[in-house]
Amino acid sequence: MLATQCPPEIAEFAERCRERIRNTDDEQRLTQEIARDLTQVLDAGFDLPEELRRPQEERYIMYPLYVSEDDDLSIASAVWNVAQGTPVHGHETWGVVGIYSGQETERQYEKPQREGVPLSALDQAVWSPGQVTVCCTIDDDVHQVWNDGDVPCVGIHVYGRDIGRLERRSYDPETGDQSWFVSTWPTDNDEEK
């Protein structure tokens, strides 16, 4: 089992999420309810330990806060240092993101119907502390995020699968080419670097 560090407020939130997952078949409703719950958690405030807010020099990092044994929920502290971001990517599951500190810029893309066709950019938004968004559903699942602020960005990311083990797509927005990747969870060795 994956070792996680879970503040009590996140543990309670995870239990509410698990209950909603068990009782809701409608993904749109589920993600909206989880977004409301995450907004309440962020509004109430909680102490996320410094070691779960620490950026890496090379790339963004996702620290596991909670990962269910049933592979139906994972919650992570995703940290971007200044000027770091992701490639254009999908999740292959639903996701809800709330900003703990800093700011995150998100650009959404129309989900391609086939490979090899350039992607069409849609909306772009800047998310600030306390703001929550449904970042993806199975049907609407392509975006890119980055930190163009002047301090690290910490987001609480909630997914409908174990995001640290799930194969996902990365896209070249200019060509539409796709490749597969896994955002692996950090190991103790990674954190020592």
N, C-alpha and C. Protein backbone atom coordinates (compact mmCIF):
# COMPACT_ATOMS: atom_id res chain seq x y z
N MET A 1 0.85 -1.19 0.00
CA MET A 1 0.00 0.00 0.00
C MET A 1 0.89 1.25 0.00
N LEU A 2 0.45 2.25 -0.73
CA LEU A 2 1.18 3.50 -0.84
C LEU A 2 1.11 4.27 0.47
N ALA A 3 2.27 4.74 0.93
CA ALA A 3 2.31 5.56 2.14
C ALA A 3 1.84 6.97 1.79
N THR A 4 0.90 7.48 2.56
CA THR A 4 0.39 8.82 2.33
C THR A 4 0.49 9.62 3.61
N GLN A 5 0.46 10.94 3.47
CA GLN A 5 0.41 11.85 4.62
C GLN A 5 -0.89 12.63 4.49
N CYS A 6 -1.81 12.39 5.37
CA CYS A 6 -3.14 12.94 5.20
C CYS A 6 -3.56 13.78 6.40
N PRO A 7 -3.62 15.11 6.24
CA PRO A 7 -4.15 15.94 7.33
C PRO A 7 -5.58 15.49 7.67
N PRO A 8 -6.00 15.64 8.93
CA PRO A 8 -7.32 15.16 9.34
C PRO A 8 -8.46 15.73 8.49
N GLU A 9 -8.36 16.98 8.08
CA GLU A 9 -9.41 17.58 7.26
C GLU A 9 -9.53 16.89 5.90
N ILE A 10 -8.39 16.47 5.37
CA ILE A 10 -8.40 15.77 4.08
C ILE A 10 -8.92 14.34 4.27
N ALA A 11 -8.59 13.71 5.40
CA ALA A 11 -9.12 12.37 5.68
C ALA A 11 -10.65 12.40 5.75
N GLU A 12 -11.20 13.40 6.43
CA GLU A 12 -12.66 13.54 6.51
C GLU A 12 -13.25 13.81 5.13
N PHE A 13 -12.61 14.67 4.37
CA PHE A 13 -13.04 14.97 3.01
C PHE A 13 -13.01 13.71 2.16
N ALA A 14 -11.96 12.90 2.28
CA ALA A 14 -11.85 11.65 1.52
C ALA A 14 -13.01 10.72 1.84
N GLU A 15 -13.39 10.64 3.10
CA GLU A 15 -14.53 9.78 3.47
C GLU A 15 -15.83 10.29 2.84
N ARG A 16 -16.02 11.61 2.82
CA ARG A 16 -17.21 12.17 2.15
C ARG A 16 -17.18 11.85 0.65
N CYS A 17 -16.00 11.96 0.05
CA CYS A 17 -15.86 11.62 -1.37
C CYS A 17 -16.21 10.16 -1.62
N ARG A 18 -15.68 9.26 -0.79
CA ARG A 18 -15.96 7.83 -0.96
C ARG A 18 -17.45 7.55 -0.84
N GLU A 19 -18.11 8.21 0.11
CA GLU A 19 -19.56 8.03 0.26
C GLU A 19 -20.29 8.52 -1.00
N ARG A 20 -19.87 9.65 -1.52
CA ARG A 20 -20.51 10.18 -2.74
C ARG A 20 -20.27 9.23 -3.92
N ILE A 21 -19.08 8.69 -4.03
CA ILE A 21 -18.77 7.75 -5.11
C ILE A 21 -19.67 6.53 -5.02
N ARG A 22 -19.86 6.01 -3.82
CA ARG A 22 -20.73 4.83 -3.63
C ARG A 22 -22.19 5.13 -3.97
N ASN A 23 -22.62 6.37 -3.75
CA ASN A 23 -24.04 6.70 -3.87
C ASN A 23 -24.42 7.47 -5.13
N THR A 24 -23.47 7.75 -6.01
CA THR A 24 -23.75 8.59 -7.18
C THR A 24 -23.20 7.95 -8.44
N ASP A 25 -24.08 7.67 -9.40
CA ASP A 25 -23.65 7.14 -10.69
C ASP A 25 -23.44 8.23 -11.73
N ASP A 26 -23.96 9.41 -11.48
CA ASP A 26 -23.90 10.52 -12.42
C ASP A 26 -22.60 11.30 -12.19
N GLU A 27 -21.66 11.19 -13.16
CA GLU A 27 -20.34 11.82 -12.99
C GLU A 27 -20.43 13.34 -12.86
N GLN A 28 -21.31 13.97 -13.62
CA GLN A 28 -21.45 15.43 -13.54
C GLN A 28 -21.89 15.84 -12.13
N ARG A 29 -22.88 15.15 -11.61
CA ARG A 29 -23.36 15.45 -10.25
C ARG A 29 -22.28 15.16 -9.22
N LEU A 30 -21.60 14.02 -9.38
CA LEU A 30 -20.54 13.63 -8.45
C LEU A 30 -19.45 14.70 -8.38
N THR A 31 -18.97 15.15 -9.54
CA THR A 31 -17.87 16.13 -9.53
C THR A 31 -18.33 17.47 -8.97
N GLN A 32 -19.56 17.86 -9.22
CA GLN A 32 -20.07 19.12 -8.65
C GLN A 32 -20.17 19.02 -7.13
N GLU A 33 -20.64 17.88 -6.62
CA GLU A 33 -20.73 17.69 -5.17
C GLU A 33 -19.35 17.68 -4.52
N ILE A 34 -18.40 17.00 -5.15
CA ILE A 34 -17.04 16.96 -4.61
C ILE A 34 -16.42 18.35 -4.68
N ALA A 35 -16.69 19.10 -5.73
CA ALA A 35 -16.18 20.48 -5.82
C ALA A 35 -16.73 21.33 -4.68
N ARG A 36 -18.01 21.19 -4.37
CA ARG A 36 -18.59 21.94 -3.24
C ARG A 36 -17.93 21.53 -1.93
N ASP A 37 -17.73 20.23 -1.75
CA ASP A 37 -17.08 19.75 -0.52
C ASP A 37 -15.66 20.29 -0.40
N LEU A 38 -14.91 20.29 -1.51
CA LEU A 38 -13.53 20.78 -1.47
C LEU A 38 -13.51 22.29 -1.20
N THR A 39 -14.46 23.02 -1.74
CA THR A 39 -14.56 24.45 -1.45
C THR A 39 -14.73 24.68 0.05
N GLN A 40 -15.58 23.87 0.68
CA GLN A 40 -15.79 24.00 2.13
C GLN A 40 -14.50 23.71 2.90
N VAL A 41 -13.77 22.69 2.48
CA VAL A 41 -12.50 22.34 3.15
C VAL A 41 -11.51 23.50 3.03
N LEU A 42 -11.38 24.06 1.84
CA LEU A 42 -10.44 25.17 1.64
C LEU A 42 -10.90 26.42 2.38
N ASP A 43 -12.20 26.70 2.37
CA ASP A 43 -12.72 27.88 3.08
C ASP A 43 -12.50 27.77 4.59
N ALA A 44 -12.63 26.57 5.14
CA ALA A 44 -12.46 26.37 6.58
C ALA A 44 -10.99 26.49 6.98
N GLY A 45 -10.10 26.22 6.03
CA GLY A 45 -8.67 26.30 6.30
C GLY A 45 -8.15 25.04 6.98
N PHE A 46 -6.95 24.67 6.65
CA PHE A 46 -6.27 23.55 7.30
C PHE A 46 -4.78 23.71 7.06
N ASP A 47 -4.00 23.04 7.88
CA ASP A 47 -2.55 23.15 7.79
C ASP A 47 -2.01 22.01 6.94
N LEU A 48 -1.54 22.33 5.76
CA LEU A 48 -0.87 21.36 4.92
C LEU A 48 0.61 21.44 5.25
N PRO A 49 1.20 20.36 5.78
CA PRO A 49 2.60 20.41 6.21
C PRO A 49 3.53 20.90 5.11
N GLU A 50 4.59 21.58 5.52
CA GLU A 50 5.54 22.17 4.59
C GLU A 50 6.10 21.14 3.62
N GLU A 51 6.34 19.92 4.09
CA GLU A 51 6.93 18.90 3.21
C GLU A 51 5.97 18.49 2.09
N LEU A 52 4.69 18.83 2.22
CA LEU A 52 3.71 18.53 1.18
C LEU A 52 3.42 19.75 0.30
N ARG A 53 4.17 20.82 0.54
CA ARG A 53 4.06 22.05 -0.25
C ARG A 53 5.38 22.39 -0.93
N ARG A 54 6.36 21.52 -0.79
CA ARG A 54 7.71 21.79 -1.27
C ARG A 54 7.83 21.51 -2.77
N PRO A 55 8.21 22.52 -3.56
CA PRO A 55 8.40 22.27 -4.99
C PRO A 55 9.71 21.55 -5.26
N GLN A 56 9.80 20.94 -6.43
CA GLN A 56 11.05 20.37 -6.91
C GLN A 56 11.62 21.31 -7.96
N GLU A 57 12.91 21.27 -8.12
CA GLU A 57 13.56 22.14 -9.11
C GLU A 57 13.26 21.69 -10.54
N GLU A 58 13.23 20.36 -10.77
CA GLU A 58 13.17 19.84 -12.14
C GLU A 58 11.79 19.94 -12.76
N ARG A 59 10.74 19.65 -11.98
CA ARG A 59 9.39 19.56 -12.54
C ARG A 59 8.38 19.60 -11.41
N TYR A 60 7.11 19.69 -11.77
CA TYR A 60 6.07 19.67 -10.75
C TYR A 60 6.06 18.31 -10.05
N ILE A 61 5.43 18.26 -8.88
CA ILE A 61 5.37 17.01 -8.11
C ILE A 61 3.99 16.88 -7.49
N MET A 62 3.53 15.64 -7.38
CA MET A 62 2.25 15.36 -6.72
C MET A 62 2.52 14.46 -5.51
N TYR A 63 2.25 14.99 -4.32
CA TYR A 63 2.41 14.22 -3.09
C TYR A 63 1.08 13.54 -2.77
N PRO A 64 1.07 12.23 -2.56
CA PRO A 64 -0.18 11.55 -2.26
C PRO A 64 -0.67 11.88 -0.84
N LEU A 65 -1.89 12.37 -0.75
CA LEU A 65 -2.51 12.62 0.55
C LEU A 65 -3.43 11.47 0.94
N TYR A 66 -4.12 10.92 -0.06
CA TYR A 66 -5.04 9.81 0.17
C TYR A 66 -5.16 9.02 -1.13
N VAL A 67 -5.04 7.70 -1.05
CA VAL A 67 -5.25 6.82 -2.20
C VAL A 67 -6.06 5.63 -1.71
N SER A 68 -7.24 5.44 -2.30
CA SER A 68 -8.11 4.34 -1.85
C SER A 68 -7.56 3.00 -2.34
N GLU A 69 -7.84 1.97 -1.57
CA GLU A 69 -7.44 0.62 -1.96
C GLU A 69 -8.26 0.12 -3.14
N ASP A 70 -9.44 0.71 -3.35
CA ASP A 70 -10.34 0.28 -4.42
C ASP A 70 -10.05 0.96 -5.76
N ASP A 71 -9.03 1.81 -5.82
CA ASP A 71 -8.66 2.53 -7.04
C ASP A 71 -9.80 3.41 -7.55
N ASP A 72 -10.61 3.96 -6.63
CA ASP A 72 -11.69 4.83 -7.07
C ASP A 72 -11.53 6.27 -6.59
N LEU A 73 -10.41 6.56 -5.91
CA LEU A 73 -10.20 7.92 -5.41
C LEU A 73 -8.73 8.12 -5.05
N SER A 74 -8.18 9.24 -5.50
CA SER A 74 -6.87 9.67 -5.01
C SER A 74 -6.92 11.18 -4.81
N ILE A 75 -6.23 11.63 -3.77
CA ILE A 75 -6.15 13.05 -3.45
C ILE A 75 -4.67 13.38 -3.30
N ALA A 76 -4.24 14.44 -3.98
CA ALA A 76 -2.81 14.79 -3.98
C ALA A 76 -2.62 16.27 -3.73
N SER A 77 -1.46 16.59 -3.18
CA SER A 77 -0.98 17.96 -3.14
C SER A 77 -0.07 18.11 -4.35
N ALA A 78 -0.54 18.86 -5.35
CA ALA A 78 0.23 19.07 -6.58
C ALA A 78 0.94 20.41 -6.46
N VAL A 79 2.26 20.39 -6.65
CA VAL A 79 3.07 21.59 -6.42
C VAL A 79 3.85 21.94 -7.68
N TRP A 80 3.65 23.19 -8.12
CA TRP A 80 4.40 23.75 -9.24
C TRP A 80 5.27 24.86 -8.71
N ASN A 81 6.54 24.81 -9.04
CA ASN A 81 7.41 25.93 -8.74
C ASN A 81 7.12 27.03 -9.77
N VAL A 82 7.67 28.19 -9.57
CA VAL A 82 7.50 29.29 -10.51
C VAL A 82 7.96 28.84 -11.90
N ALA A 83 7.16 29.11 -12.91
CA ALA A 83 7.43 28.81 -14.32
C ALA A 83 7.36 27.33 -14.67
N GLN A 84 6.89 26.48 -13.78
CA GLN A 84 6.72 25.06 -14.11
C GLN A 84 5.29 24.81 -14.58
N GLY A 85 5.13 23.75 -15.36
CA GLY A 85 3.82 23.38 -15.83
C GLY A 85 3.80 21.97 -16.37
N THR A 86 2.70 21.63 -16.98
CA THR A 86 2.52 20.30 -17.55
C THR A 86 2.47 20.40 -19.06
N PRO A 87 2.69 19.29 -19.74
CA PRO A 87 2.34 19.26 -21.16
C PRO A 87 0.81 19.23 -21.28
N VAL A 88 0.30 19.36 -22.48
CA VAL A 88 -1.13 19.16 -22.71
C VAL A 88 -1.41 17.69 -22.45
N HIS A 89 -2.43 17.41 -21.63
CA HIS A 89 -2.66 16.03 -21.22
C HIS A 89 -4.12 15.78 -20.88
N GLY A 90 -4.45 14.50 -20.76
CA GLY A 90 -5.76 14.05 -20.30
C GLY A 90 -5.59 13.23 -19.05
N HIS A 91 -6.70 12.84 -18.44
CA HIS A 91 -6.65 12.13 -17.17
C HIS A 91 -7.25 10.73 -17.23
N GLU A 92 -8.14 10.48 -18.17
CA GLU A 92 -8.83 9.20 -18.30
C GLU A 92 -9.73 8.93 -17.09
N THR A 93 -10.06 9.96 -16.35
CA THR A 93 -10.97 9.87 -15.21
C THR A 93 -11.45 11.28 -14.90
N TRP A 94 -12.35 11.40 -13.95
CA TRP A 94 -12.81 12.74 -13.53
C TRP A 94 -11.80 13.34 -12.56
N GLY A 95 -11.83 14.67 -12.44
CA GLY A 95 -10.93 15.35 -11.52
C GLY A 95 -11.49 16.68 -11.05
N VAL A 96 -11.18 17.02 -9.82
CA VAL A 96 -11.56 18.29 -9.20
C VAL A 96 -10.30 18.88 -8.58
N VAL A 97 -10.07 20.18 -8.80
CA VAL A 97 -8.86 20.83 -8.30
C VAL A 97 -9.25 22.08 -7.51
N GLY A 98 -8.64 22.23 -6.34
CA GLY A 98 -8.80 23.44 -5.54
C GLY A 98 -7.44 24.01 -5.21
N ILE A 99 -7.31 25.32 -5.25
CA ILE A 99 -6.01 25.96 -5.01
C ILE A 99 -5.84 26.26 -3.53
N TYR A 100 -4.76 25.73 -2.96
CA TYR A 100 -4.41 25.94 -1.56
C TYR A 100 -3.60 27.23 -1.41
N SER A 101 -2.62 27.44 -2.30
CA SER A 101 -1.81 28.66 -2.27
C SER A 101 -1.21 28.90 -3.65
N GLY A 102 -0.84 30.14 -3.91
CA GLY A 102 -0.30 30.50 -5.22
C GLY A 102 -1.42 30.60 -6.24
N GLN A 103 -1.05 30.56 -7.50
CA GLN A 103 -2.07 30.58 -8.55
C GLN A 103 -1.67 29.65 -9.68
N GLU A 104 -2.69 29.07 -10.32
CA GLU A 104 -2.49 28.11 -11.39
C GLU A 104 -3.25 28.61 -12.62
N THR A 105 -2.58 28.59 -13.75
CA THR A 105 -3.23 28.94 -15.01
C THR A 105 -3.57 27.65 -15.74
N GLU A 106 -4.79 27.57 -16.25
CA GLU A 106 -5.26 26.38 -16.95
C GLU A 106 -5.75 26.78 -18.34
N ARG A 107 -5.31 26.02 -19.34
CA ARG A 107 -5.84 26.18 -20.70
C ARG A 107 -6.51 24.86 -21.07
N GLN A 108 -7.78 24.93 -21.42
CA GLN A 108 -8.52 23.75 -21.83
C GLN A 108 -8.48 23.62 -23.35
N TYR A 109 -8.54 22.37 -23.80
CA TYR A 109 -8.56 22.06 -25.23
C TYR A 109 -9.76 21.18 -25.53
N GLU A 110 -10.25 21.29 -26.75
CA GLU A 110 -11.30 20.38 -27.19
C GLU A 110 -10.70 18.99 -27.28
N LYS A 111 -11.40 18.01 -26.74
CA LYS A 111 -10.89 16.64 -26.77
C LYS A 111 -10.89 16.13 -28.21
N PRO A 112 -9.73 15.70 -28.72
CA PRO A 112 -9.66 15.28 -30.12
C PRO A 112 -10.45 13.99 -30.36
N GLN A 113 -11.05 13.91 -31.52
CA GLN A 113 -11.81 12.72 -31.90
C GLN A 113 -10.91 11.65 -32.52
N ARG A 114 -9.75 12.09 -33.01
CA ARG A 114 -8.79 11.13 -33.55
C ARG A 114 -7.38 11.73 -33.45
N GLU A 115 -6.40 10.87 -33.53
CA GLU A 115 -5.01 11.30 -33.43
C GLU A 115 -4.56 11.95 -34.74
N GLY A 116 -3.60 12.87 -34.64
CA GLY A 116 -3.01 13.47 -35.82
C GLY A 116 -3.70 14.73 -36.30
N VAL A 117 -4.65 15.24 -35.52
CA VAL A 117 -5.33 16.48 -35.87
C VAL A 117 -4.96 17.52 -34.81
N PRO A 118 -4.48 18.70 -35.22
CA PRO A 118 -4.13 19.72 -34.22
C PRO A 118 -5.28 19.99 -33.26
N LEU A 119 -4.92 20.29 -32.01
CA LEU A 119 -5.93 20.55 -30.99
C LEU A 119 -6.43 21.98 -31.06
N SER A 120 -7.68 22.17 -30.71
CA SER A 120 -8.27 23.51 -30.65
C SER A 120 -8.31 23.96 -29.20
N ALA A 121 -7.66 25.10 -28.94
CA ALA A 121 -7.69 25.66 -27.58
C ALA A 121 -9.07 26.23 -27.31
N LEU A 122 -9.54 26.07 -26.08
CA LEU A 122 -10.82 26.60 -25.66
C LEU A 122 -10.57 27.72 -24.65
N ASP A 123 -11.07 27.56 -23.46
CA ASP A 123 -10.96 28.59 -22.43
C ASP A 123 -9.61 28.55 -21.72
N GLN A 124 -9.26 29.69 -21.14
CA GLN A 124 -8.10 29.78 -20.25
C GLN A 124 -8.56 30.50 -18.99
N ALA A 125 -8.11 30.00 -17.84
CA ALA A 125 -8.51 30.60 -16.56
C ALA A 125 -7.31 30.63 -15.64
N VAL A 126 -7.34 31.57 -14.71
CA VAL A 126 -6.34 31.64 -13.65
C VAL A 126 -7.07 31.36 -12.34
N TRP A 127 -6.59 30.34 -11.62
CA TRP A 127 -7.21 29.90 -10.37
C TRP A 127 -6.37 30.38 -9.19
N SER A 128 -7.02 30.94 -8.19
CA SER A 128 -6.36 31.53 -7.02
C SER A 128 -6.76 30.78 -5.76
N PRO A 129 -6.09 31.06 -4.61
CA PRO A 129 -6.41 30.34 -3.38
C PRO A 129 -7.90 30.33 -3.05
N GLY A 130 -8.39 29.14 -2.73
CA GLY A 130 -9.79 28.95 -2.38
C GLY A 130 -10.69 28.63 -3.55
N GLN A 131 -10.22 28.86 -4.76
CA GLN A 131 -11.06 28.56 -5.92
C GLN A 131 -10.96 27.09 -6.28
N VAL A 132 -12.08 26.54 -6.75
CA VAL A 132 -12.19 25.12 -7.07
C VAL A 132 -12.80 24.98 -8.46
N THR A 133 -12.30 24.02 -9.23
CA THR A 133 -12.84 23.75 -10.56
C THR A 133 -12.93 22.25 -10.80
N VAL A 134 -13.93 21.86 -11.58
CA VAL A 134 -13.97 20.50 -12.11
C VAL A 134 -13.06 20.54 -13.33
N CYS A 135 -11.88 19.97 -13.19
CA CYS A 135 -10.88 20.10 -14.27
C CYS A 135 -11.12 19.10 -15.39
N CYS A 136 -11.80 18.01 -15.07
CA CYS A 136 -11.98 17.02 -16.12
C CYS A 136 -13.09 16.03 -15.76
N THR A 137 -13.73 15.57 -16.81
CA THR A 137 -14.65 14.44 -16.73
C THR A 137 -14.21 13.48 -17.83
N ILE A 138 -14.77 12.31 -17.86
CA ILE A 138 -14.38 11.34 -18.89
C ILE A 138 -14.55 11.93 -20.29
N ASP A 139 -15.61 12.73 -20.50
CA ASP A 139 -15.91 13.27 -21.82
C ASP A 139 -15.17 14.57 -22.13
N ASP A 140 -14.68 15.26 -21.13
CA ASP A 140 -14.08 16.59 -21.31
C ASP A 140 -12.77 16.61 -20.54
N ASP A 141 -11.69 16.19 -21.21
CA ASP A 141 -10.53 15.79 -20.44
C ASP A 141 -9.19 16.19 -21.05
N VAL A 142 -9.05 17.36 -21.62
CA VAL A 142 -7.74 17.74 -22.15
C VAL A 142 -7.43 19.16 -21.69
N HIS A 143 -6.30 19.31 -21.01
CA HIS A 143 -5.90 20.65 -20.59
C HIS A 143 -4.40 20.70 -20.35
N GLN A 144 -3.93 21.91 -20.06
CA GLN A 144 -2.54 22.16 -19.69
C GLN A 144 -2.58 23.15 -18.53
N VAL A 145 -1.73 22.95 -17.54
CA VAL A 145 -1.68 23.87 -16.41
C VAL A 145 -0.24 24.29 -16.15
N TRP A 146 -0.08 25.50 -15.61
CA TRP A 146 1.25 25.99 -15.28
C TRP A 146 1.15 27.10 -14.24
N ASN A 147 2.29 27.40 -13.67
CA ASN A 147 2.39 28.46 -12.67
C ASN A 147 3.16 29.62 -13.28
N ASP A 148 2.44 30.70 -13.60
CA ASP A 148 3.15 31.88 -14.07
C ASP A 148 3.13 33.00 -13.03
N GLY A 149 2.87 32.59 -11.76
CA GLY A 149 2.95 33.53 -10.66
C GLY A 149 4.38 33.68 -10.17
N ASP A 150 4.56 34.37 -9.05
CA ASP A 150 5.91 34.58 -8.52
C ASP A 150 6.19 33.79 -7.25
N VAL A 151 5.28 32.88 -6.88
CA VAL A 151 5.48 31.97 -5.75
C VAL A 151 5.01 30.58 -6.18
N PRO A 152 5.49 29.51 -5.52
CA PRO A 152 5.00 28.18 -5.86
C PRO A 152 3.48 28.09 -5.73
N CYS A 153 2.90 27.24 -6.55
CA CYS A 153 1.46 26.98 -6.51
C CYS A 153 1.23 25.60 -5.91
N VAL A 154 0.30 25.52 -4.96
CA VAL A 154 -0.07 24.25 -4.35
C VAL A 154 -1.57 24.06 -4.58
N GLY A 155 -1.91 22.95 -5.21
CA GLY A 155 -3.31 22.62 -5.46
C GLY A 155 -3.67 21.29 -4.82
N ILE A 156 -4.91 21.18 -4.38
CA ILE A 156 -5.42 19.89 -3.90
C ILE A 156 -6.16 19.27 -5.08
N HIS A 157 -5.62 18.15 -5.58
CA HIS A 157 -6.16 17.48 -6.76
C HIS A 157 -6.87 16.20 -6.32
N VAL A 158 -8.09 16.04 -6.79
CA VAL A 158 -8.94 14.90 -6.43
C VAL A 158 -9.31 14.18 -7.73
N TYR A 159 -9.04 12.88 -7.80
CA TYR A 159 -9.31 12.12 -9.02
C TYR A 159 -10.10 10.85 -8.72
N GLY A 160 -10.81 10.37 -9.74
CA GLY A 160 -11.62 9.17 -9.62
C GLY A 160 -10.87 7.88 -9.84
N ARG A 161 -9.56 7.93 -9.83
CA ARG A 161 -8.69 6.76 -9.93
C ARG A 161 -7.40 7.08 -9.19
N ASP A 162 -6.50 6.11 -9.10
CA ASP A 162 -5.17 6.34 -8.53
C ASP A 162 -4.33 7.04 -9.59
N ILE A 163 -4.27 8.35 -9.53
CA ILE A 163 -3.63 9.14 -10.58
C ILE A 163 -2.12 8.87 -10.66
N GLY A 164 -1.52 8.35 -9.60
CA GLY A 164 -0.10 8.04 -9.61
C GLY A 164 0.24 6.72 -10.26
N ARG A 165 -0.79 5.98 -10.72
CA ARG A 165 -0.55 4.70 -11.39
C ARG A 165 -1.32 4.58 -12.70
N LEU A 166 -2.12 5.57 -13.02
CA LEU A 166 -3.02 5.51 -14.17
C LEU A 166 -2.31 5.95 -15.45
N GLU A 167 -2.42 5.14 -16.52
CA GLU A 167 -1.88 5.54 -17.81
C GLU A 167 -2.77 6.63 -18.39
N ARG A 168 -2.11 7.71 -18.84
CA ARG A 168 -2.85 8.86 -19.37
C ARG A 168 -2.22 9.32 -20.68
N ARG A 169 -2.96 10.13 -21.40
CA ARG A 169 -2.48 10.64 -22.69
C ARG A 169 -1.84 12.02 -22.54
N SER A 170 -0.77 12.20 -23.30
CA SER A 170 -0.15 13.51 -23.47
C SER A 170 -0.31 13.86 -24.95
N TYR A 171 -0.53 15.13 -25.24
CA TYR A 171 -0.81 15.56 -26.61
C TYR A 171 0.18 16.63 -27.06
N ASP A 172 0.56 16.56 -28.33
CA ASP A 172 1.24 17.67 -28.97
C ASP A 172 0.13 18.52 -29.59
N PRO A 173 -0.12 19.72 -29.06
CA PRO A 173 -1.27 20.48 -29.55
C PRO A 173 -1.15 20.91 -31.01
N GLU A 174 0.07 21.02 -31.53
CA GLU A 174 0.25 21.47 -32.91
C GLU A 174 0.03 20.35 -33.93
N THR A 175 0.37 19.11 -33.55
CA THR A 175 0.23 17.99 -34.49
C THR A 175 -0.90 17.04 -34.13
N GLY A 176 -1.33 17.06 -32.88
CA GLY A 176 -2.34 16.11 -32.43
C GLY A 176 -1.77 14.75 -32.07
N ASP A 177 -0.45 14.60 -32.17
CA ASP A 177 0.16 13.32 -31.80
C ASP A 177 -0.05 13.05 -30.32
N GLN A 178 -0.24 11.77 -29.99
CA GLN A 178 -0.50 11.36 -28.61
C GLN A 178 0.56 10.38 -28.14
N SER A 179 0.86 10.44 -26.86
CA SER A 179 1.73 9.44 -26.23
C SER A 179 1.15 9.15 -24.85
N TRP A 180 1.56 8.05 -24.28
CA TRP A 180 1.04 7.63 -22.98
C TRP A 180 2.09 7.84 -21.91
N PHE A 181 1.65 8.18 -20.70
CA PHE A 181 2.57 8.39 -19.58
C PHE A 181 1.84 8.07 -18.28
N VAL A 182 2.61 7.96 -17.20
CA VAL A 182 2.08 7.79 -15.86
C VAL A 182 2.75 8.84 -14.97
N SER A 183 1.95 9.61 -14.24
CA SER A 183 2.50 10.57 -13.27
C SER A 183 2.77 9.82 -11.97
N THR A 184 3.90 9.17 -11.90
CA THR A 184 4.18 8.32 -10.75
C THR A 184 4.29 9.13 -9.47
N TRP A 185 3.90 8.51 -8.38
CA TRP A 185 4.05 9.14 -7.07
C TRP A 185 5.53 9.23 -6.72
N PRO A 186 5.93 10.24 -5.95
CA PRO A 186 7.34 10.33 -5.55
C PRO A 186 7.70 9.20 -4.59
N THR A 187 8.96 8.82 -4.64
CA THR A 187 9.47 7.85 -3.68
C THR A 187 10.32 8.59 -2.66
N ASP A 188 10.72 7.89 -1.61
CA ASP A 188 11.59 8.52 -0.61
C ASP A 188 12.87 9.03 -1.26
N ASN A 189 13.40 8.30 -2.24
CA ASN A 189 14.62 8.73 -2.92
C ASN A 189 14.40 10.03 -3.68
N ASP A 190 13.21 10.17 -4.32
CA ASP A 190 12.91 11.41 -5.05
C ASP A 190 12.93 12.60 -4.11
N GLU A 191 12.35 12.43 -2.92
CA GLU A 191 12.22 13.53 -1.98
C GLU A 191 13.56 13.93 -1.38
N GLU A 192 14.54 13.03 -1.41
CA GLU A 192 15.86 13.35 -0.86
C GLU A 192 16.69 14.17 -1.83
N LYS A 193 16.33 14.18 -3.11
CA LYS A 193 17.12 14.89 -4.13
C LYS A 193 17.01 16.37 -3.97
